[in-house]
Amino acid sequence: MSYESGAKYMHEISRASPTALVFLIDQSGSMSEKWGGSGTKSSEVAMILNRLLNNLIMRCTKSDGVRNYFSIGVIGYGLGVKPVLKGNTLFGRDLIPISEIADNPLRIERRKKKEPDGVGGVMEIEVNFPIWLEAEAFNGTPMCGALDYAHKVLERWVDDHPDSYPPTVFNITDGQAGDGDPAMNAAKIKRLETNDGNVLLFNINISSDSSQMVKFPDSVSQFANDPYAVSLYNISSVMPENIIAMLGRSEERNYSRNCKGFILNADAISLIEFLNIGTRTDQQIRRGIDD
């Protein structure tokens, strides 16, 4: 089965047949640089991931509680390669059912949020904001090691879930691999498969200068002279047709059927939008009471 475009990626997601999401987070020293005008790359990425986890929990919450439609791993790479979710029973675990993540935040902060006031304006309210991931920025960029870690974790997972929607890996980084060429490590991940298709690997290169942003290209023509960008493009999976369709509707534009899950020089908004689309499997989550 080809991991580029032949797979269907249409299996239903249920408690009996969940899927897996793995987030590889660059935590190298350069992630301490400013990004987005308000915080550092590391702090903004941590905030975005914490919000995404909370949103995923809400999407899995039914009348009987949080249903385990997802197992989630968040792996940091910088000062080594390791699971980085914190909170009670989560520390050091690489793939965790989402109900356990919901029950074990490190802490809950109060954050301000703007809401419509019902009369045409907005008002500011305080909401609970669970924290599982904290910002870190140390050392180099062992991306190959992180990809190897993801491969080992998902190799076990796909063996245990042969009929599930394939796992998706999101690699969020601001630099090139400091421990070699990631091509072989990425290829090992993308060769893993369930009966519904191969594991998907998406790469998001974040940058303080988003003026040269390239989103979901189908060739290297816009960055052919940048070997680092070409490398990330080459290791990225072609996106399934359902994700391409959602992106097209969201952005009101047509993307090529061969476009890859890769953003070069992403800003915070583009990262948020892609993570939201890339994890939006709602149409495949069963709605029955026995799922």
Protein backbone atom coordinates (compact mmCIF):
# COMPACT_ATOMS: atom_id res chain seq x y z
CA MET A 1 0.00 0.00 0.00
CA SER A 2 1.45 3.37 -0.98
CA TYR A 3 1.73 5.95 1.74
CA GLU A 4 1.56 8.82 -0.74
CA SER A 5 -1.94 8.86 -2.17
CA GLY A 6 -3.44 5.38 -2.55
CA ALA A 7 -4.76 4.92 0.97
CA LYS A 8 -8.36 5.76 1.77
CA TYR A 9 -8.08 7.05 5.34
CA MET A 10 -11.80 6.53 5.84
CA HIS A 11 -12.18 4.06 8.71
CA GLU A 12 -14.52 5.03 11.51
CA ILE A 13 -12.96 6.08 14.80
CA SER A 14 -14.46 4.55 17.91
CA ARG A 15 -13.44 3.41 21.36
CA ALA A 16 -12.95 -0.08 19.94
CA SER A 17 -10.99 1.31 16.98
CA PRO A 18 -9.24 4.55 18.05
CA THR A 19 -6.51 6.46 16.26
CA ALA A 20 -3.24 7.95 17.49
CA LEU A 21 -1.78 11.45 17.28
CA VAL A 22 1.91 12.09 17.95
CA PHE A 23 3.33 15.61 18.26
CA LEU A 24 7.10 15.99 17.95
CA ILE A 25 8.05 19.33 19.51
CA ASP A 26 11.39 21.01 18.80
CA GLN A 27 12.66 22.21 22.18
CA SER A 28 16.13 23.30 21.04
CA GLY A 29 17.79 26.53 22.16
CA SER A 30 16.58 28.49 19.13
CA MET A 31 12.99 27.99 20.29
CA SER A 32 13.69 30.72 22.88
CA GLU A 33 13.53 33.32 20.09
CA LYS A 34 10.54 35.64 19.84
CA TRP A 35 7.66 34.50 17.64
CA GLY A 36 4.34 36.06 16.87
CA GLY A 37 5.02 39.35 18.61
CA SER A 38 4.08 38.28 22.14
CA GLY A 39 6.06 35.28 23.32
CA THR A 40 8.85 32.91 22.40
CA LYS A 41 8.50 30.08 19.93
CA SER A 42 8.59 27.55 22.76
CA SER A 43 5.99 29.32 24.89
CA GLU A 44 3.63 29.93 21.97
CA VAL A 45 3.88 26.33 20.75
CA ALA A 46 3.21 25.07 24.29
CA MET A 47 0.13 27.30 24.54
CA ILE A 48 -1.13 26.14 21.14
CA LEU A 49 -0.65 22.46 22.07
CA ASN A 50 -2.36 22.88 25.44
CA ARG A 51 -5.34 24.51 23.74
CA LEU A 52 -5.45 21.79 21.09
CA LEU A 53 -5.42 19.05 23.73
CA ASN A 54 -8.30 20.74 25.53
CA ASN A 55 -10.25 21.03 22.27
CA LEU A 56 -9.65 17.36 21.47
CA ILE A 57 -10.92 16.42 24.93
CA MET A 58 -14.08 18.44 24.35
CA ARG A 59 -14.63 16.72 21.00
CA CYS A 60 -14.36 13.33 22.72
CA THR A 61 -16.67 14.24 25.61
CA LYS A 62 -20.13 12.65 25.55
CA SER A 63 -22.81 12.23 28.20
CA ASP A 64 -20.90 9.36 29.80
CA GLY A 65 -17.56 11.16 29.94
CA VAL A 66 -14.45 11.42 27.76
CA ARG A 67 -14.35 8.60 25.24
CA ASN A 68 -10.99 7.21 24.16
CA TYR A 69 -11.14 7.96 20.46
CA PHE A 70 -7.48 9.07 20.54
CA SER A 71 -4.22 8.01 22.10
CA ILE A 72 -1.89 10.99 22.17
CA GLY A 73 1.87 11.35 22.47
CA VAL A 74 3.82 14.59 22.85
CA ILE A 75 7.55 14.05 22.42
CA GLY A 76 10.04 16.86 22.96
CA TYR A 77 13.49 16.94 21.39
CA GLY A 78 16.26 19.28 22.45
CA LEU A 79 17.98 18.25 25.63
CA GLY A 80 17.44 14.63 24.62
CA VAL A 81 14.30 13.00 23.25
CA LYS A 82 11.52 12.26 25.72
CA PRO A 83 7.78 12.39 26.42
CA VAL A 84 6.98 15.85 27.79
CA LEU A 85 3.38 15.79 29.03
CA LYS A 86 3.28 16.46 32.75
CA GLY A 87 0.70 15.87 35.41
CA ASN A 88 0.19 13.03 37.88
CA THR A 89 0.20 9.75 35.94
CA LEU A 90 1.30 11.22 32.57
CA PHE A 91 5.01 11.82 33.22
CA GLY A 92 7.30 9.73 31.02
CA ARG A 93 4.51 8.04 29.04
CA ASP A 94 4.69 8.11 25.26
CA LEU A 95 1.10 7.30 24.17
CA ILE A 96 -1.77 8.08 26.51
CA PRO A 97 -5.55 7.58 26.14
CA ILE A 98 -7.20 10.97 25.94
CA SER A 99 -9.43 10.34 28.97
CA GLU A 100 -6.32 10.04 31.15
CA ILE A 101 -4.96 13.29 29.73
CA ALA A 102 -8.27 14.95 30.56
CA ASP A 103 -8.12 13.74 34.15
CA ASN A 104 -4.49 14.67 34.82
CA PRO A 105 -3.47 18.22 33.90
CA LEU A 106 -0.35 19.55 35.55
CA ARG A 107 -2.36 22.56 36.71
CA ILE A 108 -5.30 24.72 35.67
CA GLU A 109 -4.76 28.41 35.02
CA ARG A 110 -7.30 31.17 34.61
CA ARG A 111 -7.07 32.90 31.23
CA LYS A 112 -8.99 35.78 29.71
CA LYS A 113 -11.08 35.11 26.63
CA LYS A 114 -13.17 37.41 24.44
CA GLU A 115 -16.78 36.40 23.78
CA PRO A 116 -19.69 38.08 21.93
CA ASP A 117 -21.79 40.06 24.41
CA GLY A 118 -25.07 39.45 22.56
CA VAL A 119 -25.57 43.08 21.54
CA GLY A 120 -22.97 43.38 18.79
CA GLY A 121 -19.89 43.83 20.94
CA VAL A 122 -17.42 41.65 22.82
CA MET A 123 -16.75 41.06 26.47
CA GLU A 124 -13.80 39.57 28.30
CA ILE A 125 -14.40 36.57 30.53
CA GLU A 126 -12.15 34.29 32.56
CA VAL A 127 -11.99 30.60 31.64
CA ASN A 128 -10.12 27.56 32.90
CA PHE A 129 -7.03 26.73 30.83
CA PRO A 130 -5.52 23.29 31.58
CA ILE A 131 -1.74 22.96 31.27
CA TRP A 132 -0.05 19.70 30.30
CA LEU A 133 2.95 20.98 28.34
CA GLU A 134 5.44 23.60 29.51
CA ALA A 135 7.86 25.60 27.37
CA GLU A 136 11.44 24.35 27.10
CA ALA A 137 14.30 25.56 24.89
CA PHE A 138 17.70 23.94 25.38
CA ASN A 139 20.55 22.42 23.40
CA GLY A 140 20.41 21.19 19.78
CA THR A 141 17.87 19.65 17.42
CA PRO A 142 17.93 15.82 17.53
CA MET A 143 15.13 15.46 15.00
CA CYS A 144 16.31 12.08 13.72
CA GLY A 145 16.18 10.77 17.26
CA ALA A 146 12.65 12.12 17.68
CA LEU A 147 11.50 10.46 14.46
CA ASP A 148 13.08 7.18 15.59
CA TYR A 149 11.25 7.48 18.91
CA ALA A 150 7.94 8.02 17.13
CA HIS A 151 8.61 5.00 14.92
CA LYS A 152 9.20 2.72 17.90
CA VAL A 153 6.05 3.94 19.64
CA LEU A 154 3.84 3.64 16.57
CA GLU A 155 5.28 0.31 15.45
CA ARG A 156 3.76 -1.21 18.57
CA TRP A 157 0.54 0.77 18.18
CA VAL A 158 -0.25 -0.27 14.58
CA ASP A 159 0.40 -3.91 15.46
CA ASP A 160 -2.21 -3.62 18.21
CA HIS A 161 -4.72 -1.65 16.08
CA PRO A 162 -4.66 -3.14 12.55
CA ASP A 163 -8.15 -1.92 11.65
CA SER A 164 -7.83 1.66 12.93
CA TYR A 165 -7.54 4.96 11.10
CA PRO A 166 -3.76 5.41 10.68
CA PRO A 167 -1.80 7.52 13.19
CA THR A 168 -0.73 11.06 12.32
CA VAL A 169 2.63 12.55 13.33
CA PHE A 170 3.08 16.34 13.48
CA ASN A 171 6.70 17.53 13.60
CA ILE A 172 6.90 21.17 14.74
CA THR A 173 10.37 22.66 14.35
CA ASP A 174 12.24 25.89 13.67
CA GLY A 175 15.51 24.37 12.46
CA GLN A 176 17.15 21.56 10.60
CA ALA A 177 18.06 18.23 12.15
CA GLY A 178 21.27 18.43 14.14
CA ASP A 179 21.83 14.67 14.27
CA GLY A 180 21.90 13.69 10.59
CA ASP A 181 19.65 13.40 7.55
CA PRO A 182 16.08 12.60 8.68
CA ALA A 183 15.07 10.97 5.38
CA MET A 184 15.55 7.34 6.46
CA ASN A 185 14.01 7.92 9.89
CA ALA A 186 10.94 9.51 8.30
CA ALA A 187 10.62 6.76 5.70
CA LYS A 188 10.46 4.14 8.48
CA ILE A 189 7.54 6.00 10.06
CA LYS A 190 5.66 6.33 6.77
CA ARG A 191 6.06 2.63 6.01
CA LEU A 192 4.06 1.74 9.10
CA GLU A 193 0.44 1.02 8.23
CA THR A 194 -2.96 -0.16 9.31
CA ASN A 195 -5.52 -1.68 6.96
CA ASP A 196 -6.72 1.87 6.27
CA GLY A 197 -3.43 3.36 5.11
CA ASN A 198 0.08 4.35 6.10
CA VAL A 199 1.08 6.54 9.01
CA LEU A 200 1.00 10.22 8.02
CA LEU A 201 3.94 12.53 8.75
CA PHE A 202 3.31 16.28 8.56
CA ASN A 203 6.00 18.91 9.11
CA ILE A 204 5.53 22.51 10.22
CA ASN A 205 8.58 24.78 10.08
CA ILE A 206 7.87 27.82 12.26
CA SER A 207 9.70 31.07 11.62
CA SER A 208 9.91 34.60 12.99
CA ASP A 209 9.70 35.76 9.37
CA SER A 210 6.49 34.45 7.85
CA SER A 211 6.67 36.78 4.83
CA GLN A 212 8.04 33.86 2.79
CA MET A 213 5.51 31.32 4.03
CA VAL A 214 4.71 28.39 1.74
CA LYS A 215 1.70 26.22 2.61
CA PHE A 216 1.03 22.69 1.40
CA PRO A 217 3.17 22.71 -1.77
CA ASP A 218 3.11 19.96 -4.38
CA SER A 219 6.67 20.66 -5.55
CA VAL A 220 9.88 22.32 -4.32
CA SER A 221 9.76 25.07 -6.96
CA GLN A 222 9.24 27.89 -4.44
CA PHE A 223 12.20 26.89 -2.25
CA ALA A 224 14.44 24.79 -4.48
CA ASN A 225 17.56 26.65 -3.30
CA ASP A 226 16.88 25.92 0.39
CA PRO A 227 18.17 22.40 1.12
CA TYR A 228 16.63 22.40 4.60
CA ALA A 229 13.16 23.20 3.24
CA VAL A 230 13.57 20.62 0.48
CA SER A 231 14.49 18.02 3.10
CA LEU A 232 11.36 18.69 5.17
CA TYR A 233 9.20 18.68 2.05
CA ASN A 234 10.64 15.37 0.92
CA ILE A 235 9.90 13.62 4.22
CA SER A 236 6.31 14.94 4.43
CA SER A 237 3.33 12.80 3.45
CA VAL A 238 0.93 13.68 0.68
CA MET A 239 -2.28 14.62 2.45
CA PRO A 240 -5.36 12.40 2.19
CA GLU A 241 -8.12 13.75 -0.01
CA ASN A 242 -10.47 14.41 2.91
CA ILE A 243 -7.91 16.69 4.59
CA ILE A 244 -7.18 18.48 1.30
CA ALA A 245 -10.92 19.06 0.87
CA MET A 246 -11.25 20.50 4.38
CA LEU A 247 -8.29 22.82 3.79
CA GLY A 248 -9.79 23.98 0.52
CA ARG A 249 -13.11 24.80 2.17
CA SER A 250 -11.42 26.51 5.10
CA GLU A 251 -9.19 28.70 2.95
CA GLU A 252 -11.51 29.02 -0.06
CA ARG A 253 -8.88 27.84 -2.50
CA ASN A 254 -8.04 24.72 -4.45
CA TYR A 255 -5.06 22.60 -3.46
CA SER A 256 -3.41 20.04 -5.69
CA ARG A 257 -4.21 16.38 -5.05
CA ASN A 258 -0.45 15.92 -4.63
CA CYS A 259 0.07 18.63 -2.03
CA LYS A 260 2.04 17.65 1.04
CA GLY A 261 1.43 18.21 4.73
CA PHE A 262 4.21 20.79 5.00
CA ILE A 263 4.32 24.47 5.87
CA LEU A 264 7.52 26.49 5.48
CA ASN A 265 8.02 29.63 7.60
CA ALA A 266 4.71 29.19 9.41
CA ASP A 267 3.27 31.81 11.73
CA ALA A 268 1.20 30.97 14.80
CA ILE A 269 -2.14 31.27 12.99
CA SER A 270 -1.08 28.85 10.25
CA LEU A 271 0.18 26.36 12.83
CA ILE A 272 -3.12 26.52 14.72
CA GLU A 273 -5.20 26.15 11.56
CA PHE A 274 -3.21 23.17 10.30
CA LEU A 275 -3.31 21.35 13.63
CA ASN A 276 -7.06 21.93 13.82
CA ILE A 277 -7.62 20.60 10.30
CA GLY A 278 -5.10 17.77 10.58
CA THR A 279 -6.72 16.42 13.74
CA ARG A 280 -10.31 16.98 12.62
CA THR A 281 -11.58 13.46 12.22
CA ASP A 282 -15.06 14.31 13.53
CA GLN A 283 -16.76 12.98 10.43
CA GLN A 284 -15.22 9.57 11.16
CA ILE A 285 -16.04 9.42 14.88
CA ARG A 286 -19.03 7.16 15.41
CA ARG A 287 -22.01 8.74 17.10
CA GLY A 288 -23.68 5.59 18.41
CA ILE A 289 -24.01 4.84 22.10
CA ASP A 290 -22.00 1.64 21.75
CA ASP A 291 -18.86 3.12 20.21
